PDB file of all heavy atoms in Angstrom:
ATOM      1  N   GLU A   1    -221.255 -33.821-206.532  1.00  0.00           N
ATOM      2  CA  GLU A   1    -219.965 -33.553-207.179  1.00  0.00           C
ATOM      3  C   GLU A   1    -219.514 -34.698-208.073  1.00  0.00           C
ATOM      4  O   GLU A   1    -218.844 -34.478-209.083  1.00  0.00           O
ATOM      5  CB  GLU A   1    -218.900 -33.270-206.107  1.00  0.00           C
ATOM      6  CG  GLU A   1    -219.075 -31.921-205.418  1.00  0.00           C
ATOM      7  CD  GLU A   1    -218.142 -31.747-204.235  1.00  0.00           C
ATOM      8  OE1 GLU A   1    -217.487 -32.754-203.861  1.00  0.00           O
ATOM      9  OE2 GLU A   1    -218.065 -30.635-203.688  1.00  0.00           O
ATOM     10  N   SER A   2    -219.880 -35.930-207.714  1.00  0.00           N
ATOM     11  CA  SER A   2    -219.447 -37.092-208.494  1.00  0.00           C
ATOM     12  C   SER A   2    -220.547 -37.628-209.403  1.00  0.00           C
ATOM     13  O   SER A   2    -220.393 -38.696-209.991  1.00  0.00           O
ATOM     14  CB  SER A   2    -218.979 -38.204-207.558  1.00  0.00           C
ATOM     15  OG  SER A   2    -220.017 -38.600-206.678  1.00  0.00           O
ATOM     16  N   SER A   3    -221.665 -36.889-209.520  1.00  0.00           N
ATOM     17  CA  SER A   3    -222.788 -37.366-210.317  1.00  0.00           C
ATOM     18  C   SER A   3    -222.775 -36.749-211.710  1.00  0.00           C
ATOM     19  O   SER A   3    -222.027 -35.796-211.979  1.00  0.00           O
ATOM     20  CB  SER A   3    -224.120 -37.029-209.633  1.00  0.00           C
ATOM     21  OG  SER A   3    -224.408 -35.650-209.775  1.00  0.00           O
ATOM     22  N   ALA A   4    -223.620 -37.288-212.585  1.00  0.00           N
ATOM     23  CA  ALA A   4    -223.758 -36.772-213.945  1.00  0.00           C
ATOM     24  C   ALA A   4    -225.031 -35.957-214.115  1.00  0.00           C
ATOM     25  O   ALA A   4    -225.453 -35.680-215.239  1.00  0.00           O
ATOM     26  CB  ALA A   4    -223.746 -37.932-214.938  1.00  0.00           C
ATOM     27  N   ILE A   5    -225.661 -35.568-213.019  1.00  0.00           N
ATOM     28  CA  ILE A   5    -226.897 -34.791-213.088  1.00  0.00           C
ATOM     29  C   ILE A   5    -226.573 -33.365-213.534  1.00  0.00           C
ATOM     30  O   ILE A   5    -225.717 -32.702-212.933  1.00  0.00           O
ATOM     31  CB  ILE A   5    -227.599 -34.783-211.721  1.00  0.00           C
ATOM     32  CG1 ILE A   5    -228.018 -36.211-211.343  1.00  0.00           C
ATOM     33  CG2 ILE A   5    -228.817 -33.870-211.740  1.00  0.00           C
ATOM     34  CD1 ILE A   5    -228.682 -36.326-210.003  1.00  0.00           C
ATOM     35  N   PRO A   6    -227.214 -32.855-214.592  1.00  0.00           N
ATOM     36  CA  PRO A   6    -226.865 -31.532-215.126  1.00  0.00           C
ATOM     37  C   PRO A   6    -226.965 -30.394-214.121  1.00  0.00           C
ATOM     38  O   PRO A   6    -226.259 -29.405-214.231  1.00  0.00           O
ATOM     39  CB  PRO A   6    -227.866 -31.352-216.277  1.00  0.00           C
ATOM     40  CG  PRO A   6    -228.222 -32.746-216.687  1.00  0.00           C
ATOM     41  CD  PRO A   6    -228.223 -33.545-215.419  1.00  0.00           C
ATOM     42  N   CYS A   7    -227.862 -30.510-213.153  1.00  0.00           N
ATOM     43  CA  CYS A   7    -228.079 -29.410-212.217  1.00  0.00           C
ATOM     44  C   CYS A   7    -227.129 -29.457-211.031  1.00  0.00           C
ATOM     45  O   CYS A   7    -227.311 -28.715-210.075  1.00  0.00           O
ATOM     46  CB  CYS A   7    -229.514 -29.446-211.702  1.00  0.00           C
ATOM     47  SG  CYS A   7    -229.793 -30.778-210.496  1.00  0.00           S
ATOM     48  N   ALA A   8    -226.115 -30.308-211.052  1.00  0.00           N
ATOM     49  CA  ALA A   8    -225.282 -30.547-209.867  1.00  0.00           C
ATOM     50  C   ALA A   8    -224.688 -29.259-209.314  1.00  0.00           C
ATOM     51  O   ALA A   8    -224.769 -28.988-208.113  1.00  0.00           O
ATOM     52  CB  ALA A   8    -224.185 -31.549-210.200  1.00  0.00           C
ATOM     53  N   GLU A   9    -224.093 -28.441-210.176  1.00  0.00           N
ATOM     54  CA  GLU A   9    -223.446 -27.219-209.689  1.00  0.00           C
ATOM     55  C   GLU A   9    -224.465 -26.255-209.093  1.00  0.00           C
ATOM     56  O   GLU A   9    -224.210 -25.644-208.052  1.00  0.00           O
ATOM     57  CB  GLU A   9    -222.691 -26.551-210.834  1.00  0.00           C
ATOM     58  CG  GLU A   9    -221.481 -27.352-211.314  1.00  0.00           C
ATOM     59  CD  GLU A   9    -220.685 -26.592-212.367  1.00  0.00           C
ATOM     60  OE1 GLU A   9    -221.074 -25.429-212.670  1.00  0.00           O
ATOM     61  OE2 GLU A   9    -219.701 -27.140-212.873  1.00  0.00           O
ATOM     62  N   ALA A  10    -225.619 -26.117-209.746  1.00  0.00           N
ATOM     63  CA  ALA A  10    -226.652 -25.227-209.212  1.00  0.00           C
ATOM     64  C   ALA A  10    -227.172 -25.735-207.879  1.00  0.00           C
ATOM     65  O   ALA A  10    -227.411 -24.949-206.948  1.00  0.00           O
ATOM     66  CB  ALA A  10    -227.799 -25.105-210.217  1.00  0.00           C
ATOM     67  N   ALA A  11    -227.344 -27.046-207.756  1.00  0.00           N
ATOM     68  CA  ALA A  11    -227.839 -27.611-206.498  1.00  0.00           C
ATOM     69  C   ALA A  11    -226.815 -27.419-205.386  1.00  0.00           C
ATOM     70  O   ALA A  11    -227.177 -27.073-204.247  1.00  0.00           O
ATOM     71  CB  ALA A  11    -228.139 -29.095-206.690  1.00  0.00           C
ATOM     72  N   ILE A  12    -225.544 -27.626-205.688  1.00  0.00           N
ATOM     73  CA  ILE A  12    -224.493 -27.437-204.678  1.00  0.00           C
ATOM     74  C   ILE A  12    -224.460 -25.985-204.216  1.00  0.00           C
ATOM     75  O   ILE A  12    -224.310 -25.697-203.014  1.00  0.00           O
ATOM     76  CB  ILE A  12    -223.124 -27.865-205.250  1.00  0.00           C
ATOM     77  CG1 ILE A  12    -223.103 -29.381-205.466  1.00  0.00           C
ATOM     78  CG2 ILE A  12    -221.997 -27.450-204.314  1.00  0.00           C
ATOM     79  CD1 ILE A  12    -221.878 -29.876-206.199  1.00  0.00           C
ATOM     80  N   ALA A  13    -224.611 -25.053-205.163  1.00  0.00           N
ATOM     81  CA  ALA A  13    -224.629 -23.640-204.793  1.00  0.00           C
ATOM     82  C   ALA A  13    -225.796 -23.315-203.878  1.00  0.00           C
ATOM     83  O   ALA A  13    -225.649 -22.558-202.904  1.00  0.00           O
ATOM     84  CB  ALA A  13    -224.685 -22.785-206.059  1.00  0.00           C
ATOM     85  N   LEU A  14    -226.968 -23.890-204.163  1.00  0.00           N
ATOM     86  CA  LEU A  14    -228.127 -23.668-203.299  1.00  0.00           C
ATOM     87  C   LEU A  14    -227.864 -24.177-201.884  1.00  0.00           C
ATOM     88  O   LEU A  14    -228.231 -23.534-200.899  1.00  0.00           O
ATOM     89  CB  LEU A  14    -229.353 -24.380-203.890  1.00  0.00           C
ATOM     90  CG  LEU A  14    -230.023 -23.753-205.112  1.00  0.00           C
ATOM     91  CD1 LEU A  14    -231.151 -24.653-205.603  1.00  0.00           C
ATOM     92  CD2 LEU A  14    -230.570 -22.366-204.771  1.00  0.00           C
ATOM     93  N   ILE A  15    -227.250 -25.353-201.798  1.00  0.00           N
ATOM     94  CA  ILE A  15    -227.020 -25.973-200.490  1.00  0.00           C
ATOM     95  C   ILE A  15    -225.999 -25.175-199.678  1.00  0.00           C
ATOM     96  O   ILE A  15    -226.186 -24.903-198.491  1.00  0.00           O
ATOM     97  CB  ILE A  15    -226.559 -27.425-200.676  1.00  0.00           C
ATOM     98  CG1 ILE A  15    -227.689 -28.261-201.306  1.00  0.00           C
ATOM     99  CG2 ILE A  15    -226.117 -28.031-199.350  1.00  0.00           C
ATOM    100  CD1 ILE A  15    -227.258 -29.633-201.757  1.00  0.00           C
ATOM    101  N   ARG A  16    -224.903 -24.771-200.315  1.00  0.00           N
ATOM    102  CA  ARG A  16    -223.816 -24.104-199.588  1.00  0.00           C
ATOM    103  C   ARG A  16    -224.158 -22.679-199.197  1.00  0.00           C
ATOM    104  O   ARG A  16    -223.527 -22.120-198.288  1.00  0.00           O
ATOM    105  CB  ARG A  16    -222.548 -24.143-200.435  1.00  0.00           C
ATOM    106  CG  ARG A  16    -221.963 -25.558-200.533  1.00  0.00           C
ATOM    107  CD  ARG A  16    -220.727 -25.608-201.396  1.00  0.00           C
ATOM    108  NE  ARG A  16    -220.122 -26.951-201.358  1.00  0.00           N
ATOM    109  CZ  ARG A  16    -219.140 -27.360-202.155  1.00  0.00           C
ATOM    110  NH1 ARG A  16    -218.638 -26.530-203.072  1.00  0.00           N
ATOM    111  NH2 ARG A  16    -218.655 -28.579-202.048  1.00  0.00           N
ATOM    112  N   THR A  17    -225.126 -22.070-199.862  1.00  0.00           N
ATOM    113  CA  THR A  17    -225.514 -20.702-199.512  1.00  0.00           C
ATOM    114  C   THR A  17    -226.863 -20.655-198.799  1.00  0.00           C
ATOM    115  O   THR A  17    -227.453 -19.581-198.678  1.00  0.00           O
ATOM    116  CB  THR A  17    -225.603 -19.843-200.796  1.00  0.00           C
ATOM    117  OG1 THR A  17    -226.566 -20.411-201.701  1.00  0.00           O
ATOM    118  CG2 THR A  17    -224.240 -19.772-201.480  1.00  0.00           C
ATOM    119  N   ARG A  18    -227.333 -21.787-198.325  1.00  0.00           N
ATOM    120  CA  ARG A  18    -228.668 -21.849-197.732  1.00  0.00           C
ATOM    121  C   ARG A  18    -228.726 -21.078-196.415  1.00  0.00           C
ATOM    122  O   ARG A  18    -227.765 -21.079-195.633  1.00  0.00           O
ATOM    123  CB  ARG A  18    -229.090 -23.299-197.494  1.00  0.00           C
ATOM    124  CG  ARG A  18    -228.344 -24.013-196.385  1.00  0.00           C
ATOM    125  CD  ARG A  18    -228.721 -25.493-196.307  1.00  0.00           C
ATOM    126  NE  ARG A  18    -228.114 -26.158-195.176  1.00  0.00           N
ATOM    127  CZ  ARG A  18    -226.877 -26.613-195.160  1.00  0.00           C
ATOM    128  NH1 ARG A  18    -226.102 -26.459-196.238  1.00  0.00           N
ATOM    129  NH2 ARG A  18    -226.401 -27.209-194.088  1.00  0.00           N
ATOM    130  N   THR A  19    -229.843 -20.437-196.194  1.00  0.00           N
ATOM    131  CA  THR A  19    -230.137 -19.798-194.915  1.00  0.00           C
ATOM    132  C   THR A  19    -231.340 -20.448-194.255  1.00  0.00           C
ATOM    133  O   THR A  19    -231.548 -20.297-193.057  1.00  0.00           O
ATOM    134  CB  THR A  19    -230.420 -18.292-195.114  1.00  0.00           C
ATOM    135  OG1 THR A  19    -231.486 -18.139-196.058  1.00  0.00           O
ATOM    136  CG2 THR A  19    -229.170 -17.590-195.642  1.00  0.00           C
ATOM    137  N   SER A  20    -232.139 -21.161-195.052  1.00  0.00           N
ATOM    138  CA  SER A  20    -233.308 -21.869-194.538  1.00  0.00           C
ATOM    139  C   SER A  20    -233.357 -23.247-195.180  1.00  0.00           C
ATOM    140  O   SER A  20    -233.382 -23.363-196.415  1.00  0.00           O
ATOM    141  CB  SER A  20    -234.591 -21.091-194.864  1.00  0.00           C
ATOM    142  OG  SER A  20    -235.744 -21.895-194.673  1.00  0.00           O
ATOM    143  N   ASP A  21    -233.352 -24.295-194.346  1.00  0.00           N
ATOM    144  CA  ASP A  21    -233.421 -25.657-194.874  1.00  0.00           C
ATOM    145  C   ASP A  21    -234.722 -25.883-195.639  1.00  0.00           C
ATOM    146  O   ASP A  21    -234.727 -26.521-196.696  1.00  0.00           O
ATOM    147  CB  ASP A  21    -233.306 -26.672-193.735  1.00  0.00           C
ATOM    148  CG  ASP A  21    -231.883 -26.774-193.211  1.00  0.00           C
ATOM    149  OD1 ASP A  21    -230.984 -26.145-193.800  1.00  0.00           O
ATOM    150  OD2 ASP A  21    -231.668 -27.486-192.217  1.00  0.00           O
ATOM    151  N   THR A  22    -235.815 -25.356-195.121  1.00  0.00           N
ATOM    152  CA  THR A  22    -237.115 -25.550-195.769  1.00  0.00           C
ATOM    153  C   THR A  22    -237.138 -24.925-197.155  1.00  0.00           C
ATOM    154  O   THR A  22    -237.584 -25.540-198.132  1.00  0.00           O
ATOM    155  CB  THR A  22    -238.237 -24.950-194.905  1.00  0.00           C
ATOM    156  OG1 THR A  22    -238.238 -25.585-193.615  1.00  0.00           O
ATOM    157  CG2 THR A  22    -239.600 -25.153-195.558  1.00  0.00           C
ATOM    158  N   GLU A  23    -236.644 -23.699-197.262  1.00  0.00           N
ATOM    159  CA  GLU A  23    -236.625 -23.017-198.553  1.00  0.00           C
ATOM    160  C   GLU A  23    -235.663 -23.708-199.521  1.00  0.00           C
ATOM    161  O   GLU A  23    -235.954 -23.821-200.716  1.00  0.00           O
ATOM    162  CB  GLU A  23    -236.224 -21.551-198.360  1.00  0.00           C
ATOM    163  CG  GLU A  23    -236.102 -20.766-199.660  1.00  0.00           C
ATOM    164  CD  GLU A  23    -237.399 -20.704-200.448  1.00  0.00           C
ATOM    165  OE1 GLU A  23    -238.480 -20.843-199.829  1.00  0.00           O
ATOM    166  OE2 GLU A  23    -237.333 -20.512-201.682  1.00  0.00           O
ATOM    167  N   THR A  24    -234.528 -24.166-199.018  1.00  0.00           N
ATOM    168  CA  THR A  24    -233.568 -24.850-199.885  1.00  0.00           C
ATOM    169  C   THR A  24    -234.169 -26.126-200.469  1.00  0.00           C
ATOM    170  O   THR A  24    -234.006 -26.418-201.657  1.00  0.00           O
ATOM    171  CB  THR A  24    -232.287 -25.191-199.101  1.00  0.00           C
ATOM    172  OG1 THR A  24    -231.705 -23.980-198.604  1.00  0.00           O
ATOM    173  CG2 THR A  24    -231.278 -25.907-199.991  1.00  0.00           C
TER     174      THR A  24
END
C-alpha cells in the first residue's frame, strides 16, 4: 500500500482473495 510498485493493487487483490497460499 505504501510502495511505488505498479502491481501493488493487483498483488493486494490476490492476497486478500486467496484461497490457497501456494497458488497465491
